[in-house]
C-alpha atoms as a PDB file:
ATOM      1  CA  ASP A   1       8.337 -16.915   2.279  1.00  0.00           C
ATOM      2  CA  PHE A   2      11.635 -18.155   1.324  1.00  0.00           C
ATOM      3  CA  LEU A   3      15.199 -16.726   2.466  1.00  0.00           C
ATOM      4  CA  VAL A   4      17.627 -17.194  -0.334  1.00  0.00           C
ATOM      5  CA  ASN A   5      21.112 -15.666  -0.562  1.00  0.00           C
ATOM      6  CA  SER A   6      19.899 -13.662  -4.016  1.00  0.00           C
ATOM      7  CA  ALA A   7      16.483 -12.847  -4.662  1.00  0.00           C
ATOM      8  CA  ASP A   8      17.417 -12.019  -8.065  1.00  0.00           C
ATOM      9  CA  LEU A   9      19.176 -15.284  -8.869  1.00  0.00           C
ATOM     10  CA  ALA A  10      16.630 -17.415  -7.001  1.00  0.00           C
ATOM     11  CA  ALA A  11      13.878 -15.591  -9.198  1.00  0.00           C
ATOM     12  CA  ASP A  12      16.074 -16.554 -12.131  1.00  0.00           C
ATOM     13  CA  ARG A  13      16.584 -19.886 -11.555  1.00  0.00           C
ATOM     14  CA  PHE A  14      12.921 -20.380 -10.374  1.00  0.00           C
ATOM     15  CA  ALA A  15      11.752 -18.964 -14.310  1.00  0.00           C
ATOM     16  CA  ALA A  16      14.120 -21.148 -15.686  1.00  0.00           C
ATOM     17  CA  VAL A  17      12.903 -24.456 -14.059  1.00  0.00           C
ATOM     18  CA  GLY A  18       9.371 -23.740 -15.244  1.00  0.00           C
ATOM     19  CA  GLY A  19       7.821 -21.219 -12.591  1.00  0.00           C
ATOM     20  CA  ARG A  20       7.218 -17.768 -13.627  1.00  0.00           C
ATOM     21  CA  VAL A  21       8.424 -14.500 -11.867  1.00  0.00           C
ATOM     22  CA  VAL A  22       4.973 -12.550 -11.024  1.00  0.00           C
ATOM     23  CA  VAL A  23       6.757  -9.291  -9.378  1.00  0.00           C
ATOM     24  CA  PRO A  24      10.209  -8.786 -10.728  1.00  0.00           C
ATOM     25  CA  PRO A  25      13.100  -8.241  -7.648  1.00  0.00           C
ATOM     26  CA  PHE A  26      12.560  -5.189  -5.746  1.00  0.00           C
ATOM     27  CA  GLU A  27      14.172  -3.175  -2.788  1.00  0.00           C
ATOM     28  CA  ILE A  28      12.912  -4.357   0.872  1.00  0.00           C
ATOM     29  CA  GLN A  29      14.218  -2.654   4.198  1.00  0.00           C
ATOM     30  CA  ILE A  30      16.385  -6.057   4.927  1.00  0.00           C
ATOM     31  CA  GLY A  31      17.610  -6.380   1.177  1.00  0.00           C
ATOM     32  CA  ARG A  32      15.587  -7.569  -2.036  1.00  0.00           C
ATOM     33  CA  ALA A  33      12.442  -9.832  -2.761  1.00  0.00           C
ATOM     34  CA  ALA A  34      10.743 -11.144  -5.659  1.00  0.00           C
ATOM     35  CA  VAL A  35       7.281 -13.280  -5.977  1.00  0.00           C
ATOM     36  CA  VAL A  36       7.272 -16.056  -8.214  1.00  0.00           C
ATOM     37  CA  ALA A  37       4.550 -18.812  -8.967  1.00  0.00           C
ATOM     38  CA  ASP A  38       4.758 -22.660  -9.584  1.00  0.00           C
ATOM     39  CA  PRO A  39       3.551 -24.208 -12.545  1.00  0.00           C
ATOM     40  CA  TRP A  40       0.361 -24.888 -10.732  1.00  0.00           C
ATOM     41  CA  GLY A  41      -0.153 -21.219  -9.791  1.00  0.00           C
ATOM     42  CA  ASN A  42       1.083 -21.434  -6.131  1.00  0.00           C
ATOM     43  CA  GLN A  43       3.192 -18.038  -5.388  1.00  0.00           C
ATOM     44  CA  TYR A  44       5.862 -17.621  -3.054  1.00  0.00           C
ATOM     45  CA  VAL A  45       7.785 -14.839  -1.775  1.00  0.00           C
ATOM     46  CA  LEU A  46      11.727 -15.130  -2.275  1.00  0.00           C
ATOM     47  CA  LEU A  47      13.405 -12.710   0.718  1.00  0.00           C
ATOM     48  CA  ASP A  48      17.389 -12.171   0.586  1.00  0.00           C
ATOM     49  CA  MET A  49      18.915 -10.154   3.698  1.00  0.00           C
ATOM     50  CA  SER A  50      21.575  -8.362   1.827  1.00  0.00           C
ATOM     51  CA  LYS A  51      21.289  -5.515   3.630  1.00  0.00           C
ATOM     52  CA  GLY A  52      21.397  -7.053   6.955  1.00  0.00           C
ATOM     53  CA  ALA A  53      18.455  -7.794   9.578  1.00  0.00           C
ATOM     54  CA  LEU A  54      16.468  -5.218  11.028  1.00  0.00           C
ATOM     55  CA  LEU A  55      18.195  -3.569  14.302  1.00  0.00           C
ATOM     56  CA  THR A  56      15.525  -2.703  17.086  1.00  0.00           C
ATOM     57  CA  ASP A  57      15.717  -1.431  20.762  1.00  0.00           C
ATOM     58  CA  GLU A  58      14.442  -3.191  23.965  1.00  0.00           C
ATOM     59  CA  LYS A  59      10.737  -2.027  22.788  1.00  0.00           C
ATOM     60  CA  GLY A  60      10.708  -3.845  19.424  1.00  0.00           C
ATOM     61  CA  ASN A  61      11.208  -0.282  17.537  1.00  0.00           C
ATOM     62  CA  ILE A  62      13.104  -0.492  14.183  1.00  0.00           C
ATOM     63  CA  LEU A  63      16.211   1.698  14.492  1.00  0.00           C
ATOM     64  CA  GLY A  64      17.936   0.413  11.307  1.00  0.00           C
ATOM     65  CA  ASN A  65      20.001  -2.509   9.707  1.00  0.00           C
ATOM     66  CA  GLN A  66      22.367  -4.538  11.427  1.00  0.00           C
ATOM     67  CA  PRO A  67      25.616  -4.593   9.661  1.00  0.00           C
ATOM     68  CA  VAL A  68      25.457  -7.838   7.026  1.00  0.00           C
END
């Protein structure tokens, strides 16, 4: 996994330099993600945290997202 500023822009850039987009950018709880592959078939997940990190309580239960 790679943390990026924008999964959409990173996927476009990855494809522009010879990779391919396996799964186009999609919504996830913390922002957006995409799956890309390099010319040799290795797959990578691109993640952005545009919605903020997860907010948890002291037991680790997810309460929502922290403000961005």
